[in-house]
């Protein structure tokens, strides 16, 4: 976690969870680490982890099972992809567009650079 970042810690934890899901480290329909396990592993307060898990639950990426903990939704990878795309278009792309405008970079230049990256 980057404690000096402008991004709230609970969102950094949620993004870390997104990475665990997208990479296949966490499997759909399987139990994820407990709040305490995550708090210890990430060296953060359990309340902060709980807030991150509530965020994931709100987006239907995880669901609690009474007495067993939190489990990934069967379509967790798809939901993570959708959430990341939404985040890209609402946060990242406007920032990139502003930077392009300040530097005088055209969309054609970006397209050509992306083609070269492939």
N, C-alpha and C. Protein backbone atom coordinates (compact mmCIF):
# COMPACT_ATOMS: atom_id res chain seq x y z
N UNK A 1 0.83 -1.17 0.00
CA UNK A 1 0.00 0.00 0.00
C UNK A 1 0.89 1.25 0.00
N UNK A 2 0.43 2.20 -0.74
CA UNK A 2 1.16 3.47 -0.81
C UNK A 2 0.42 4.48 0.08
N UNK A 3 0.94 4.66 1.29
CA UNK A 3 0.27 5.51 2.26
C UNK A 3 0.40 7.00 1.93
N UNK A 4 1.24 7.34 0.95
CA UNK A 4 1.41 8.74 0.56
C UNK A 4 0.57 9.08 -0.67
N UNK A 5 -0.12 8.11 -1.21
CA UNK A 5 -0.94 8.30 -2.41
C UNK A 5 -2.21 9.06 -2.08
N UNK A 6 -2.76 9.73 -3.09
CA UNK A 6 -4.05 10.41 -2.95
C UNK A 6 -5.21 9.41 -2.96
N UNK A 7 -4.96 8.20 -3.45
CA UNK A 7 -5.99 7.16 -3.50
C UNK A 7 -6.20 6.59 -2.10
N UNK A 8 -7.44 6.55 -1.64
CA UNK A 8 -7.71 6.00 -0.32
C UNK A 8 -7.18 4.56 -0.19
N UNK A 9 -6.74 4.20 1.01
CA UNK A 9 -6.16 2.88 1.25
C UNK A 9 -7.15 1.77 0.90
N UNK A 10 -8.43 1.95 1.26
CA UNK A 10 -9.39 0.88 0.98
C UNK A 10 -9.53 0.64 -0.52
N UNK A 11 -9.40 1.69 -1.34
CA UNK A 11 -9.45 1.50 -2.80
C UNK A 11 -8.17 0.85 -3.31
N UNK A 12 -7.05 1.16 -2.68
CA UNK A 12 -5.81 0.48 -3.05
C UNK A 12 -5.92 -1.01 -2.74
N UNK A 13 -6.54 -1.33 -1.61
CA UNK A 13 -6.75 -2.74 -1.26
C UNK A 13 -7.70 -3.39 -2.26
N UNK A 14 -8.78 -2.70 -2.62
CA UNK A 14 -9.72 -3.23 -3.60
C UNK A 14 -9.01 -3.48 -4.93
N UNK A 15 -8.16 -2.55 -5.36
CA UNK A 15 -7.41 -2.74 -6.60
C UNK A 15 -6.44 -3.90 -6.50
N UNK A 16 -5.84 -4.09 -5.33
CA UNK A 16 -4.95 -5.23 -5.10
C UNK A 16 -5.77 -6.52 -5.22
N UNK A 17 -6.97 -6.53 -4.66
CA UNK A 17 -7.86 -7.69 -4.79
C UNK A 17 -8.23 -7.93 -6.25
N UNK A 18 -8.49 -6.84 -6.99
CA UNK A 18 -8.78 -6.96 -8.42
C UNK A 18 -7.64 -7.69 -9.13
N UNK A 19 -6.42 -7.34 -8.77
CA UNK A 19 -5.25 -7.97 -9.40
C UNK A 19 -5.19 -9.46 -9.04
N UNK A 20 -5.48 -9.79 -7.80
CA UNK A 20 -5.49 -11.20 -7.38
C UNK A 20 -6.54 -11.99 -8.17
N UNK A 21 -7.67 -11.36 -8.44
CA UNK A 21 -8.75 -12.02 -9.18
C UNK A 21 -8.39 -12.12 -10.66
N UNK A 22 -7.97 -11.02 -11.25
CA UNK A 22 -7.66 -10.98 -12.69
C UNK A 22 -6.50 -11.92 -13.04
N UNK A 23 -5.55 -12.07 -12.12
CA UNK A 23 -4.39 -12.92 -12.38
C UNK A 23 -4.68 -14.40 -12.17
N UNK A 24 -5.84 -14.71 -11.59
CA UNK A 24 -6.18 -16.09 -11.33
C UNK A 24 -5.68 -16.60 -9.99
N UNK A 25 -5.06 -15.73 -9.22
CA UNK A 25 -4.57 -16.12 -7.89
C UNK A 25 -5.75 -16.49 -6.99
N UNK A 26 -6.85 -15.75 -7.11
CA UNK A 26 -8.09 -16.07 -6.40
C UNK A 26 -9.06 -16.65 -7.42
N UNK A 27 -9.64 -17.78 -7.09
CA UNK A 27 -10.48 -18.56 -8.01
C UNK A 27 -11.97 -18.29 -7.73
N UNK A 28 -12.78 -18.10 -8.80
CA UNK A 28 -14.22 -17.92 -8.60
C UNK A 28 -14.83 -19.06 -7.77
N UNK A 29 -15.79 -18.70 -6.94
CA UNK A 29 -16.49 -19.62 -6.04
C UNK A 29 -15.62 -20.13 -4.89
N UNK A 30 -14.38 -19.67 -4.80
CA UNK A 30 -13.49 -20.09 -3.71
C UNK A 30 -13.46 -19.02 -2.63
N UNK A 31 -13.09 -19.43 -1.42
CA UNK A 31 -12.97 -18.52 -0.29
C UNK A 31 -11.72 -17.65 -0.47
N UNK A 32 -11.86 -16.37 -0.14
CA UNK A 32 -10.71 -15.47 -0.18
C UNK A 32 -10.15 -15.36 1.24
N UNK A 33 -8.95 -14.83 1.41
CA UNK A 33 -8.40 -14.67 2.76
C UNK A 33 -9.34 -13.83 3.64
N UNK A 34 -9.29 -14.12 4.94
CA UNK A 34 -10.16 -13.42 5.89
C UNK A 34 -9.70 -11.97 6.05
N UNK A 35 -10.54 -11.19 6.70
CA UNK A 35 -10.23 -9.79 6.97
C UNK A 35 -8.92 -9.70 7.75
N UNK A 36 -8.79 -10.51 8.78
CA UNK A 36 -7.56 -10.49 9.58
C UNK A 36 -6.34 -10.91 8.77
N UNK A 37 -6.49 -11.96 7.98
CA UNK A 37 -5.36 -12.42 7.14
C UNK A 37 -4.90 -11.31 6.19
N UNK A 38 -5.86 -10.65 5.57
CA UNK A 38 -5.52 -9.57 4.65
C UNK A 38 -4.89 -8.40 5.38
N UNK A 39 -5.43 -8.06 6.55
CA UNK A 39 -4.89 -6.94 7.33
C UNK A 39 -3.43 -7.19 7.70
N UNK A 40 -3.13 -8.41 8.11
CA UNK A 40 -1.75 -8.76 8.48
C UNK A 40 -0.86 -8.74 7.24
N UNK A 41 -1.33 -9.35 6.17
CA UNK A 41 -0.51 -9.43 4.94
C UNK A 41 -0.23 -8.04 4.36
N UNK A 42 -1.20 -7.14 4.45
CA UNK A 42 -1.06 -5.81 3.85
C UNK A 42 -0.64 -4.74 4.86
N UNK A 43 -0.46 -5.14 6.10
CA UNK A 43 -0.09 -4.25 7.21
C UNK A 43 -0.98 -3.01 7.29
N UNK A 44 -2.29 -3.28 7.34
CA UNK A 44 -3.28 -2.22 7.48
C UNK A 44 -4.28 -2.62 8.56
N UNK A 45 -5.11 -1.67 8.96
CA UNK A 45 -6.13 -1.88 9.96
C UNK A 45 -7.23 -2.79 9.41
N UNK A 46 -7.80 -3.63 10.28
CA UNK A 46 -8.87 -4.53 9.84
C UNK A 46 -10.10 -3.76 9.35
N UNK A 47 -10.35 -2.59 9.93
CA UNK A 47 -11.50 -1.78 9.50
C UNK A 47 -11.32 -1.30 8.06
N UNK A 48 -10.08 -1.01 7.68
CA UNK A 48 -9.80 -0.57 6.32
C UNK A 48 -10.01 -1.73 5.34
N UNK A 49 -9.57 -2.92 5.73
CA UNK A 49 -9.80 -4.11 4.90
C UNK A 49 -11.29 -4.36 4.76
N UNK A 50 -12.01 -4.26 5.86
CA UNK A 50 -13.45 -4.48 5.82
C UNK A 50 -14.13 -3.50 4.87
N UNK A 51 -13.69 -2.25 4.88
CA UNK A 51 -14.26 -1.26 3.96
C UNK A 51 -13.99 -1.65 2.51
N UNK A 52 -12.80 -2.17 2.23
CA UNK A 52 -12.46 -2.61 0.88
C UNK A 52 -13.33 -3.80 0.48
N UNK A 53 -13.54 -4.73 1.40
CA UNK A 53 -14.37 -5.89 1.10
C UNK A 53 -15.83 -5.50 0.92
N UNK A 54 -16.28 -4.50 1.66
CA UNK A 54 -17.64 -3.98 1.46
C UNK A 54 -17.78 -3.37 0.07
N UNK A 55 -16.73 -2.70 -0.39
CA UNK A 55 -16.71 -2.14 -1.74
C UNK A 55 -16.84 -3.27 -2.77
N UNK A 56 -16.07 -4.34 -2.57
CA UNK A 56 -16.14 -5.49 -3.50
C UNK A 56 -17.51 -6.16 -3.44
N UNK A 57 -18.06 -6.23 -2.25
CA UNK A 57 -19.39 -6.83 -2.09
C UNK A 57 -20.45 -5.98 -2.78
N UNK A 58 -20.34 -4.67 -2.65
CA UNK A 58 -21.28 -3.75 -3.29
C UNK A 58 -21.27 -3.94 -4.82
N UNK A 59 -20.10 -4.25 -5.36
CA UNK A 59 -19.97 -4.47 -6.80
C UNK A 59 -20.19 -5.93 -7.19
N UNK A 60 -20.68 -6.72 -6.21
CA UNK A 60 -21.03 -8.14 -6.42
C UNK A 60 -19.86 -8.98 -6.92
N UNK A 61 -18.66 -8.64 -6.48
CA UNK A 61 -17.46 -9.39 -6.83
C UNK A 61 -17.22 -10.48 -5.79
N UNK A 62 -17.59 -10.20 -4.55
CA UNK A 62 -17.51 -11.19 -3.48
C UNK A 62 -18.86 -11.24 -2.77
N UNK A 63 -19.06 -12.33 -2.04
CA UNK A 63 -20.28 -12.46 -1.23
C UNK A 63 -19.92 -13.19 0.06
N UNK A 64 -20.51 -12.75 1.18
CA UNK A 64 -20.23 -13.44 2.44
C UNK A 64 -21.05 -14.72 2.55
N UNK A 65 -20.46 -15.70 3.20
CA UNK A 65 -21.20 -16.92 3.56
C UNK A 65 -21.06 -17.05 5.07
N UNK A 66 -22.19 -17.00 5.71
CA UNK A 66 -22.23 -16.95 7.17
C UNK A 66 -21.37 -18.06 7.80
N UNK A 67 -20.45 -17.60 8.63
CA UNK A 67 -19.57 -18.52 9.35
C UNK A 67 -18.41 -19.06 8.54
N UNK A 68 -18.36 -18.74 7.25
CA UNK A 68 -17.31 -19.28 6.39
C UNK A 68 -16.38 -18.22 5.82
N UNK A 69 -16.84 -16.99 5.76
CA UNK A 69 -16.02 -15.91 5.20
C UNK A 69 -16.57 -15.40 3.89
N UNK A 70 -15.70 -14.75 3.13
CA UNK A 70 -16.09 -14.19 1.83
C UNK A 70 -15.64 -15.12 0.71
N UNK A 71 -16.50 -15.22 -0.31
CA UNK A 71 -16.22 -16.05 -1.47
C UNK A 71 -16.36 -15.21 -2.74
N UNK A 72 -15.54 -15.55 -3.73
CA UNK A 72 -15.63 -14.85 -5.02
C UNK A 72 -16.90 -15.25 -5.74
N UNK A 73 -17.48 -14.32 -6.44
CA UNK A 73 -18.64 -14.60 -7.29
C UNK A 73 -18.17 -15.45 -8.47
N UNK A 74 -19.05 -16.26 -9.03
CA UNK A 74 -18.67 -17.08 -10.18
C UNK A 74 -18.17 -16.24 -11.36
N UNK A 75 -18.72 -15.04 -11.52
CA UNK A 75 -18.32 -14.16 -12.63
C UNK A 75 -17.42 -13.03 -12.15
N UNK A 76 -16.64 -13.28 -11.12
CA UNK A 76 -15.79 -12.23 -10.52
C UNK A 76 -14.83 -11.61 -11.53
N UNK A 77 -14.21 -12.42 -12.37
CA UNK A 77 -13.25 -11.87 -13.35
C UNK A 77 -13.93 -10.90 -14.30
N UNK A 78 -15.12 -11.25 -14.75
CA UNK A 78 -15.86 -10.37 -15.66
C UNK A 78 -16.22 -9.07 -14.95
N UNK A 79 -16.66 -9.16 -13.72
CA UNK A 79 -17.04 -7.97 -12.96
C UNK A 79 -15.82 -7.09 -12.68
N UNK A 80 -14.67 -7.71 -12.40
CA UNK A 80 -13.44 -6.95 -12.19
C UNK A 80 -13.06 -6.22 -13.47
N UNK A 81 -13.14 -6.93 -14.58
CA UNK A 81 -12.82 -6.31 -15.87
C UNK A 81 -13.73 -5.11 -16.14
N UNK A 82 -15.01 -5.27 -15.89
CA UNK A 82 -15.96 -4.17 -16.08
C UNK A 82 -15.64 -2.99 -15.16
N UNK A 83 -15.33 -3.30 -13.90
CA UNK A 83 -15.01 -2.23 -12.94
C UNK A 83 -13.74 -1.50 -13.34
N UNK A 84 -12.74 -2.26 -13.79
CA UNK A 84 -11.48 -1.62 -14.21
C UNK A 84 -11.68 -0.78 -15.47
N UNK A 85 -12.51 -1.25 -16.39
CA UNK A 85 -12.80 -0.47 -17.59
C UNK A 85 -13.50 0.83 -17.21
N UNK A 86 -14.47 0.73 -16.31
CA UNK A 86 -15.19 1.92 -15.86
C UNK A 86 -14.22 2.90 -15.20
N UNK A 87 -13.31 2.38 -14.39
CA UNK A 87 -12.31 3.21 -13.73
C UNK A 87 -11.38 3.85 -14.76
N UNK A 88 -11.01 3.09 -15.78
CA UNK A 88 -10.13 3.62 -16.83
C UNK A 88 -10.80 4.80 -17.53
N UNK A 89 -12.06 4.63 -17.92
CA UNK A 89 -12.75 5.68 -18.67
C UNK A 89 -13.13 6.89 -17.80
N UNK A 90 -13.33 6.68 -16.51
CA UNK A 90 -13.71 7.81 -15.66
C UNK A 90 -12.51 8.53 -15.05
N UNK A 91 -11.40 7.81 -14.82
CA UNK A 91 -10.25 8.42 -14.13
C UNK A 91 -9.01 8.53 -15.02
N UNK A 92 -8.59 7.41 -15.57
CA UNK A 92 -7.32 7.36 -16.28
C UNK A 92 -7.37 8.11 -17.62
N UNK A 93 -8.38 7.82 -18.42
CA UNK A 93 -8.45 8.44 -19.75
C UNK A 93 -8.53 9.96 -19.71
N UNK A 94 -9.37 10.55 -18.85
CA UNK A 94 -9.37 12.02 -18.78
C UNK A 94 -8.00 12.59 -18.40
N UNK A 95 -7.30 11.91 -17.52
CA UNK A 95 -5.97 12.36 -17.13
C UNK A 95 -5.00 12.28 -18.31
N UNK A 96 -5.09 11.20 -19.05
CA UNK A 96 -4.24 11.04 -20.25
C UNK A 96 -4.59 12.10 -21.29
N UNK A 97 -5.88 12.35 -21.48
CA UNK A 97 -6.31 13.35 -22.46
C UNK A 97 -5.79 14.74 -22.09
N UNK A 98 -5.82 15.07 -20.81
CA UNK A 98 -5.28 16.36 -20.36
C UNK A 98 -3.79 16.45 -20.62
N UNK A 99 -3.07 15.38 -20.33
CA UNK A 99 -1.63 15.36 -20.55
C UNK A 99 -1.31 15.48 -22.05
N UNK A 100 -2.08 14.78 -22.87
CA UNK A 100 -1.89 14.87 -24.32
C UNK A 100 -2.09 16.30 -24.80
N UNK A 101 -3.14 16.94 -24.30
CA UNK A 101 -3.43 18.31 -24.72
C UNK A 101 -2.30 19.25 -24.31
N UNK A 102 -1.79 19.09 -23.09
CA UNK A 102 -0.71 19.95 -22.61
C UNK A 102 0.57 19.76 -23.43
N UNK A 103 0.81 18.53 -23.87
CA UNK A 103 2.02 18.23 -24.62
C UNK A 103 1.85 18.34 -26.13
N UNK A 104 0.63 18.61 -26.57
CA UNK A 104 0.38 18.73 -28.00
C UNK A 104 0.46 17.41 -28.74
N UNK A 105 0.08 16.32 -28.08
CA UNK A 105 0.11 14.99 -28.69
C UNK A 105 -1.24 14.72 -29.33
N UNK A 106 -1.23 14.32 -30.59
CA UNK A 106 -2.48 14.03 -31.29
C UNK A 106 -2.90 12.57 -31.05
N UNK A 107 -4.17 12.31 -31.32
CA UNK A 107 -4.69 10.95 -31.20
C UNK A 107 -3.98 10.04 -32.19
N UNK A 108 -3.68 10.55 -33.39
CA UNK A 108 -2.97 9.74 -34.39
C UNK A 108 -1.60 9.30 -33.88
N UNK A 109 -0.91 10.20 -33.17
CA UNK A 109 0.39 9.84 -32.61
C UNK A 109 0.26 8.73 -31.56
N UNK A 110 -0.78 8.82 -30.77
CA UNK A 110 -1.02 7.78 -29.75
C UNK A 110 -1.34 6.45 -30.42
N UNK A 111 -2.20 6.48 -31.42
CA UNK A 111 -2.57 5.25 -32.15
C UNK A 111 -1.33 4.61 -32.75
N UNK A 112 -0.48 5.41 -33.38
CA UNK A 112 0.74 4.87 -33.97
C UNK A 112 1.66 4.27 -32.90
N UNK A 113 1.78 4.96 -31.77
CA UNK A 113 2.63 4.44 -30.68
C UNK A 113 2.06 3.13 -30.15
N UNK A 114 0.72 3.04 -30.01
CA UNK A 114 0.10 1.79 -29.54
C UNK A 114 0.34 0.65 -30.52
N UNK A 115 0.27 0.95 -31.82
CA UNK A 115 0.52 -0.08 -32.84
C UNK A 115 1.94 -0.61 -32.74
N UNK A 116 2.89 0.28 -32.46
CA UNK A 116 4.28 -0.12 -32.33
C UNK A 116 4.52 -0.96 -31.09
N UNK A 117 3.68 -0.81 -30.09
CA UNK A 117 3.84 -1.55 -28.83
C UNK A 117 3.45 -3.01 -29.00
N UNK A 118 2.60 -3.30 -29.96
CA UNK A 118 2.11 -4.68 -30.14
C UNK A 118 3.16 -5.58 -30.64
